[in-house]
């Protein structure tokens, strides 16, 4: 019997350090060639879009799907399904919102653990939503934070974010009036927005002295969060998916402009496995588009912790397919 795990059941079960540890372990399996991630299937329909993802971790013994969609005026909804590889049984259907936020923050934390920064760290945030908060939690779990600047186009949102997170983390979080002000003078800069336009929000000329840039909001070709110079000026460009340049508009532009040479590219799995080591100085730019493998790593742990609870509703067993079905994928749109 598959267990249904809603957002309320997942809340507070895993902390950010737990999530970073889980993604590190998964990345070692990925580097060893013990995983598979399918291309994404993206489709648009009148009034919305849907994205479907699939991954397996052969070493862990699980597979997972992630499906999420947007309906205009109603936001995005996420569902993760977890399967046991040995017999294909559906083990759990999980609400994917928290998983998505948590694993996106944790991916930045995985890299941050490998990028040394001396002394107390200042952070510049462009964005003030769930993803920005998770990014801040991730960085706070790795570095000793001294201060944070945050910009959002909504003055109300950035002021609330600053107030809430100052109290929550016990460090000064200051709302600022431009993306440039949020970026300049910080050792770590994060772009975590829902920006859909082609005009970059973060520019490389603002990143003097920045050690780590995490660009995590833009995952579609039409969305450009950071400009090509951010990648051109980087000593190393790290991605969490080998297909990131096929999916994210800002990285696509940088590749087309010749700003990302092959000699300075690495995947997060390569960093974790020490196949590639971050430089001792200079900017490291991280482009995260997220993968179903990351969702799988967290879903497995949630199921291990919650799957045996008797107070959670169950879903009926699904019938097995009589004939194998070949998956059909399309390029990102």
Protein backbone atom coordinates (compact mmCIF):
# COMPACT_ATOMS: atom_id res chain seq x y z
CA UNK A 1 0.00 0.00 0.00
CA UNK A 2 1.43 3.35 -1.06
CA UNK A 3 1.42 6.01 1.61
CA UNK A 4 0.24 9.57 0.86
CA UNK A 5 2.48 12.21 2.43
CA UNK A 6 1.05 15.72 2.28
CA UNK A 7 2.86 18.94 3.01
CA UNK A 8 1.76 18.92 6.64
CA UNK A 9 3.29 15.49 7.22
CA UNK A 10 6.64 16.56 5.70
CA UNK A 11 7.00 19.91 7.47
CA UNK A 12 9.84 19.94 9.99
CA UNK A 13 10.88 16.30 9.46
CA UNK A 14 14.14 17.06 7.62
CA UNK A 15 16.47 19.93 8.38
CA UNK A 16 18.73 21.68 5.91
CA UNK A 17 21.86 19.87 7.06
CA UNK A 18 20.02 16.57 6.60
CA UNK A 19 19.09 17.57 3.06
CA UNK A 20 22.65 18.60 2.20
CA UNK A 21 23.97 15.27 3.52
CA UNK A 22 21.40 13.37 1.44
CA UNK A 23 22.27 15.24 -1.76
CA UNK A 24 25.98 14.70 -1.13
CA UNK A 25 25.46 10.95 -0.85
CA UNK A 26 23.32 10.93 -3.98
CA UNK A 27 25.96 12.96 -5.84
CA UNK A 28 28.61 10.36 -5.02
CA UNK A 29 26.36 7.70 -6.55
CA UNK A 30 25.88 9.94 -9.58
CA UNK A 31 29.62 10.46 -9.99
CA UNK A 32 30.12 6.68 -9.81
CA UNK A 33 27.68 6.15 -12.70
CA UNK A 34 25.08 4.46 -10.50
CA UNK A 35 22.17 6.77 -11.37
CA UNK A 36 20.01 7.71 -14.34
CA UNK A 37 18.18 10.97 -15.03
CA UNK A 38 15.86 11.30 -18.00
CA UNK A 39 15.47 14.41 -20.12
CA UNK A 40 12.56 16.52 -18.93
CA UNK A 41 9.26 16.55 -20.71
CA UNK A 42 7.87 20.07 -20.89
CA UNK A 43 4.54 20.85 -22.45
CA UNK A 44 2.46 24.00 -22.64
CA UNK A 45 -1.31 24.08 -22.75
CA UNK A 46 -3.85 26.86 -22.80
CA UNK A 47 -3.54 28.71 -19.52
CA UNK A 48 -0.55 26.81 -18.18
CA UNK A 49 2.32 24.33 -18.56
CA UNK A 50 3.46 20.99 -17.16
CA UNK A 51 6.91 19.49 -16.56
CA UNK A 52 7.64 15.79 -15.96
CA UNK A 53 10.91 14.33 -14.64
CA UNK A 54 12.23 10.85 -13.83
CA UNK A 55 15.34 9.49 -12.10
CA UNK A 56 16.73 6.30 -10.64
CA UNK A 57 19.42 5.74 -8.02
CA UNK A 58 20.54 2.15 -8.62
CA UNK A 59 22.84 2.18 -5.60
CA UNK A 60 20.02 3.24 -3.28
CA UNK A 61 17.45 1.00 -4.99
CA UNK A 62 14.77 3.57 -5.81
CA UNK A 63 13.20 5.46 -8.70
CA UNK A 64 11.10 8.62 -8.60
CA UNK A 65 8.99 10.83 -10.79
CA UNK A 66 8.39 14.52 -10.29
CA UNK A 67 5.46 16.22 -11.99
CA UNK A 68 4.59 19.85 -11.55
CA UNK A 69 2.35 22.24 -13.37
CA UNK A 70 1.25 25.83 -13.42
CA UNK A 71 -2.27 27.04 -13.94
CA UNK A 72 -2.38 30.78 -14.57
CA UNK A 73 -3.67 32.60 -11.53
CA UNK A 74 -3.32 29.55 -9.29
CA UNK A 75 0.43 28.98 -8.97
CA UNK A 76 2.53 25.83 -9.27
CA UNK A 77 1.72 22.43 -7.74
CA UNK A 78 4.20 19.56 -7.32
CA UNK A 79 3.87 15.79 -6.84
CA UNK A 80 6.72 13.30 -6.26
CA UNK A 81 6.14 9.54 -6.62
CA UNK A 82 8.63 7.09 -5.11
CA UNK A 83 9.13 3.52 -6.37
CA UNK A 84 11.17 0.55 -5.19
CA UNK A 85 13.42 -0.59 -8.03
CA UNK A 86 13.51 -4.28 -7.16
CA UNK A 87 9.86 -4.88 -7.99
CA UNK A 88 8.58 -1.51 -9.23
CA UNK A 89 6.16 -1.07 -6.34
CA UNK A 90 4.85 2.44 -5.71
CA UNK A 91 5.86 3.25 -2.14
CA UNK A 92 4.74 6.84 -1.64
CA UNK A 93 3.12 9.85 -3.25
CA UNK A 94 4.48 13.03 -1.71
CA UNK A 95 3.55 16.68 -1.95
CA UNK A 96 6.54 18.16 -3.79
CA UNK A 97 6.54 21.82 -2.78
CA UNK A 98 8.69 21.47 0.32
CA UNK A 99 10.87 18.86 -1.35
CA UNK A 100 11.51 21.27 -4.24
CA UNK A 101 12.39 24.19 -1.97
CA UNK A 102 14.52 22.08 0.35
CA UNK A 103 16.53 20.27 -2.30
CA UNK A 104 17.18 23.50 -4.23
CA UNK A 105 18.61 25.10 -1.11
CA UNK A 106 20.56 21.96 -0.26
CA UNK A 107 22.18 21.80 -3.71
CA UNK A 108 23.76 25.20 -3.08
CA UNK A 109 24.85 23.96 0.34
CA UNK A 110 26.56 20.94 -1.19
CA UNK A 111 28.71 23.23 -3.30
CA UNK A 112 29.21 25.79 -0.52
CA UNK A 113 30.80 23.07 1.63
CA UNK A 114 33.48 22.78 -1.04
CA UNK A 115 34.04 26.52 -1.59
CA UNK A 116 36.12 27.90 1.27
CA UNK A 117 35.50 31.46 2.41
CA UNK A 118 37.64 32.89 5.20
CA UNK A 119 35.99 34.61 8.15
CA UNK A 120 32.38 35.58 8.54
CA UNK A 121 30.37 35.66 5.34
CA UNK A 122 28.05 38.32 3.97
CA UNK A 123 25.24 37.33 1.61
CA UNK A 124 23.37 39.27 -1.05
CA UNK A 125 19.94 37.92 -1.96
CA UNK A 126 17.94 38.84 -5.05
CA UNK A 127 14.54 37.39 -4.30
CA UNK A 128 12.47 37.08 -1.13
CA UNK A 129 10.28 34.01 -1.56
CA UNK A 130 10.44 30.39 -0.35
CA UNK A 131 13.51 29.64 -2.45
CA UNK A 132 15.39 32.68 -1.12
CA UNK A 133 14.69 31.60 2.46
CA UNK A 134 15.89 28.07 1.76
CA UNK A 135 19.05 29.39 0.12
CA UNK A 136 19.71 31.50 3.18
CA UNK A 137 19.14 28.52 5.49
CA UNK A 138 21.52 26.46 3.41
CA UNK A 139 24.29 29.05 3.49
CA UNK A 140 23.76 29.58 7.23
CA UNK A 141 24.26 25.85 7.78
CA UNK A 142 27.65 25.98 6.04
CA UNK A 143 29.16 29.41 6.69
CA UNK A 144 29.22 31.67 9.75
CA UNK A 145 27.02 34.47 8.42
CA UNK A 146 27.68 38.07 9.40
CA UNK A 147 24.98 39.93 7.47
CA UNK A 148 22.51 39.69 4.60
CA UNK A 149 21.14 42.21 2.11
CA UNK A 150 17.90 41.35 0.31
CA UNK A 151 16.20 42.89 -2.70
CA UNK A 152 12.74 42.15 -4.04
CA UNK A 153 10.70 44.26 -6.41
CA UNK A 154 8.03 44.32 -3.72
CA UNK A 155 9.14 46.59 -0.88
CA UNK A 156 6.61 44.90 1.39
CA UNK A 157 8.03 41.45 0.64
CA UNK A 158 11.68 42.41 1.14
CA UNK A 159 10.94 44.24 4.37
CA UNK A 160 8.97 41.29 5.72
CA UNK A 161 11.69 38.87 4.64
CA UNK A 162 14.35 40.98 6.35
CA UNK A 163 12.35 41.30 9.55
CA UNK A 164 11.41 37.62 9.77
CA UNK A 165 14.84 36.24 8.96
CA UNK A 166 16.71 38.67 11.18
CA UNK A 167 14.68 37.37 14.09
CA UNK A 168 14.88 33.73 12.98
CA UNK A 169 18.63 33.58 12.32
CA UNK A 170 19.85 36.19 14.78
CA UNK A 171 21.83 38.15 12.17
CA UNK A 172 21.15 41.52 10.52
CA UNK A 173 19.13 41.11 7.32
CA UNK A 174 18.70 44.44 5.58
CA UNK A 175 16.22 45.27 2.81
CA UNK A 176 17.79 47.26 -0.03
CA UNK A 177 16.31 49.18 -2.94
CA UNK A 178 17.98 47.57 -5.96
CA UNK A 179 19.46 44.30 -7.15
CA UNK A 180 22.78 46.07 -7.55
CA UNK A 181 22.75 47.11 -3.89
CA UNK A 182 21.98 43.52 -2.90
CA UNK A 183 24.95 42.19 -4.90
CA UNK A 184 27.80 44.62 -4.37
CA UNK A 185 30.28 43.95 -1.59
CA UNK A 186 29.13 40.44 -0.67
CA UNK A 187 31.16 37.25 -0.64
CA UNK A 188 28.11 35.18 -1.64
CA UNK A 189 25.33 36.32 -3.98
CA UNK A 190 22.11 34.38 -4.63
CA UNK A 191 19.55 34.90 -7.40
CA UNK A 192 16.36 33.09 -6.42
CA UNK A 193 13.45 34.73 -8.20
CA UNK A 194 10.44 33.90 -10.34
CA UNK A 195 11.72 36.27 -13.05
CA UNK A 196 10.55 35.26 -16.54
CA UNK A 197 12.03 38.07 -18.60
CA UNK A 198 15.06 38.21 -20.88
CA UNK A 199 16.66 41.17 -19.08
CA UNK A 200 19.13 39.92 -16.45
CA UNK A 201 18.55 40.83 -12.81
CA UNK A 202 22.17 40.26 -11.72
CA UNK A 203 25.15 41.61 -13.61
CA UNK A 204 28.73 40.46 -13.44
CA UNK A 205 30.05 43.98 -12.97
CA UNK A 206 28.38 44.00 -9.53
CA UNK A 207 30.21 40.89 -8.31
CA UNK A 208 33.69 42.22 -7.61
CA UNK A 209 35.06 40.27 -4.65
CA UNK A 210 32.23 37.71 -4.77
CA UNK A 211 33.40 34.16 -4.07
CA UNK A 212 30.20 32.19 -4.77
CA UNK A 213 27.24 32.99 -7.00
CA UNK A 214 24.19 30.72 -6.78
CA UNK A 215 21.69 31.27 -9.62
CA UNK A 216 18.74 29.00 -8.86
CA UNK A 217 15.54 30.69 -10.07
CA UNK A 218 15.74 30.54 -13.87
CA UNK A 219 15.04 27.04 -15.21
CA UNK A 220 13.38 27.85 -18.53
CA UNK A 221 14.89 29.16 -21.78
CA UNK A 222 12.92 32.41 -21.70
CA UNK A 223 14.09 33.30 -18.18
CA UNK A 224 17.40 35.10 -17.62
CA UNK A 225 18.38 35.87 -14.03
CA UNK A 226 22.11 36.53 -14.41
CA UNK A 227 24.06 37.89 -17.36
CA UNK A 228 26.78 36.20 -19.39
CA UNK A 229 29.54 38.15 -17.66
CA UNK A 230 28.71 36.38 -14.37
CA UNK A 231 29.84 33.15 -16.04
CA UNK A 232 32.63 34.72 -18.09
CA UNK A 233 34.27 36.17 -14.96
CA UNK A 234 33.97 32.92 -13.01
CA UNK A 235 37.03 30.76 -12.42
CA UNK A 236 34.70 27.74 -12.36
CA UNK A 237 31.12 27.18 -13.51
CA UNK A 238 29.27 24.37 -11.71
CA UNK A 239 25.92 22.89 -12.76
CA UNK A 240 23.74 20.35 -10.99
CA UNK A 241 22.58 18.83 -14.29
CA UNK A 242 24.58 18.14 -17.46
CA UNK A 243 21.51 19.39 -19.34
CA UNK A 244 21.43 22.76 -17.57
CA UNK A 245 22.47 24.64 -20.71
CA UNK A 246 19.52 23.09 -22.57
CA UNK A 247 17.08 24.36 -19.96
CA UNK A 248 18.15 27.68 -18.42
CA UNK A 249 18.09 30.83 -20.51
CA UNK A 250 20.90 32.60 -18.66
CA UNK A 251 23.32 29.68 -19.09
CA UNK A 252 22.25 29.27 -22.72
CA UNK A 253 23.16 32.88 -23.41
CA UNK A 254 26.51 32.50 -21.69
CA UNK A 255 27.38 29.39 -23.70
CA UNK A 256 26.33 31.07 -26.95
CA UNK A 257 28.50 34.07 -26.07
CA UNK A 258 31.52 31.83 -25.48
CA UNK A 259 31.59 32.77 -21.79
CA UNK A 260 31.75 29.17 -20.51
CA UNK A 261 34.77 27.31 -21.83
CA UNK A 262 35.01 23.54 -21.44
CA UNK A 263 38.06 23.90 -19.21
CA UNK A 264 36.12 25.67 -16.47
CA UNK A 265 32.94 23.55 -16.35
CA UNK A 266 32.04 20.93 -13.75
CA UNK A 267 28.99 19.15 -12.41
CA UNK A 268 28.06 19.13 -8.75
CA UNK A 269 28.69 15.37 -8.73
CA UNK A 270 32.25 15.94 -9.97
CA UNK A 271 32.85 18.43 -7.16
CA UNK A 272 31.52 16.08 -4.47
CA UNK A 273 33.61 13.19 -5.81
CA UNK A 274 36.71 15.47 -5.99
CA UNK A 275 37.04 14.81 -9.72
CA UNK A 276 37.18 18.61 -9.99
CA UNK A 277 38.26 20.82 -7.11
CA UNK A 278 37.05 24.42 -6.76
CA UNK A 279 39.82 27.00 -7.14
CA UNK A 280 41.28 28.44 -3.96
CA UNK A 281 40.29 31.95 -5.04
CA UNK A 282 38.12 33.69 -7.59
CA UNK A 283 34.42 33.45 -8.39
CA UNK A 284 32.62 30.09 -8.50
CA UNK A 285 29.30 30.37 -10.36
CA UNK A 286 26.65 27.73 -9.65
CA UNK A 287 23.73 27.27 -12.02
CA UNK A 288 21.05 25.04 -10.53
CA UNK A 289 18.07 23.77 -12.51
CA UNK A 290 17.22 20.91 -10.14
CA UNK A 291 16.91 17.22 -10.96
CA UNK A 292 14.52 14.41 -10.14
CA UNK A 293 17.51 12.66 -8.59
CA UNK A 294 17.60 15.37 -5.92
CA UNK A 295 13.87 14.94 -5.33
CA UNK A 296 14.41 11.19 -5.07
CA UNK A 297 17.09 11.55 -2.39
CA UNK A 298 14.74 13.49 -0.12
CA UNK A 299 11.68 11.40 -0.94
CA UNK A 300 13.49 8.22 0.09
CA UNK A 301 14.36 9.67 3.48
CA UNK A 302 10.85 10.98 4.05
CA UNK A 303 9.47 7.54 3.27
CA UNK A 304 11.96 5.86 5.60
CA UNK A 305 10.94 8.17 8.42
CA UNK A 306 7.21 8.41 7.77
CA UNK A 307 6.21 5.42 5.64
CA UNK A 308 5.39 3.16 8.58
CA UNK A 309 3.17 5.64 10.39
CA UNK A 310 -0.33 4.30 10.84
CA UNK A 311 -1.95 7.70 11.23
CA UNK A 312 -1.27 8.68 7.61
CA UNK A 313 -3.77 7.94 4.81
CA UNK A 314 -2.84 5.27 2.27
CA UNK A 315 -3.49 5.02 -1.45
CA UNK A 316 -4.70 1.81 -3.06
CA UNK A 317 -2.22 -0.38 -4.93
CA UNK A 318 -1.92 0.55 -8.60
CA UNK A 319 -2.32 -2.20 -11.22
CA UNK A 320 0.85 -3.34 -12.97
CA UNK A 321 1.27 -2.63 -16.67
CA UNK A 322 0.83 -5.76 -18.78
CA UNK A 323 3.18 -4.50 -21.47
CA UNK A 324 6.27 -2.28 -21.10
CA UNK A 325 5.82 1.27 -22.23
CA UNK A 326 8.66 3.16 -23.88
CA UNK A 327 9.04 6.69 -22.58
CA UNK A 328 8.85 9.54 -25.08
CA UNK A 329 10.78 12.70 -24.33
CA UNK A 330 10.97 16.09 -25.95
CA UNK A 331 13.40 18.92 -25.65
CA UNK A 332 12.74 21.69 -23.17
CA UNK A 333 10.57 24.49 -24.45
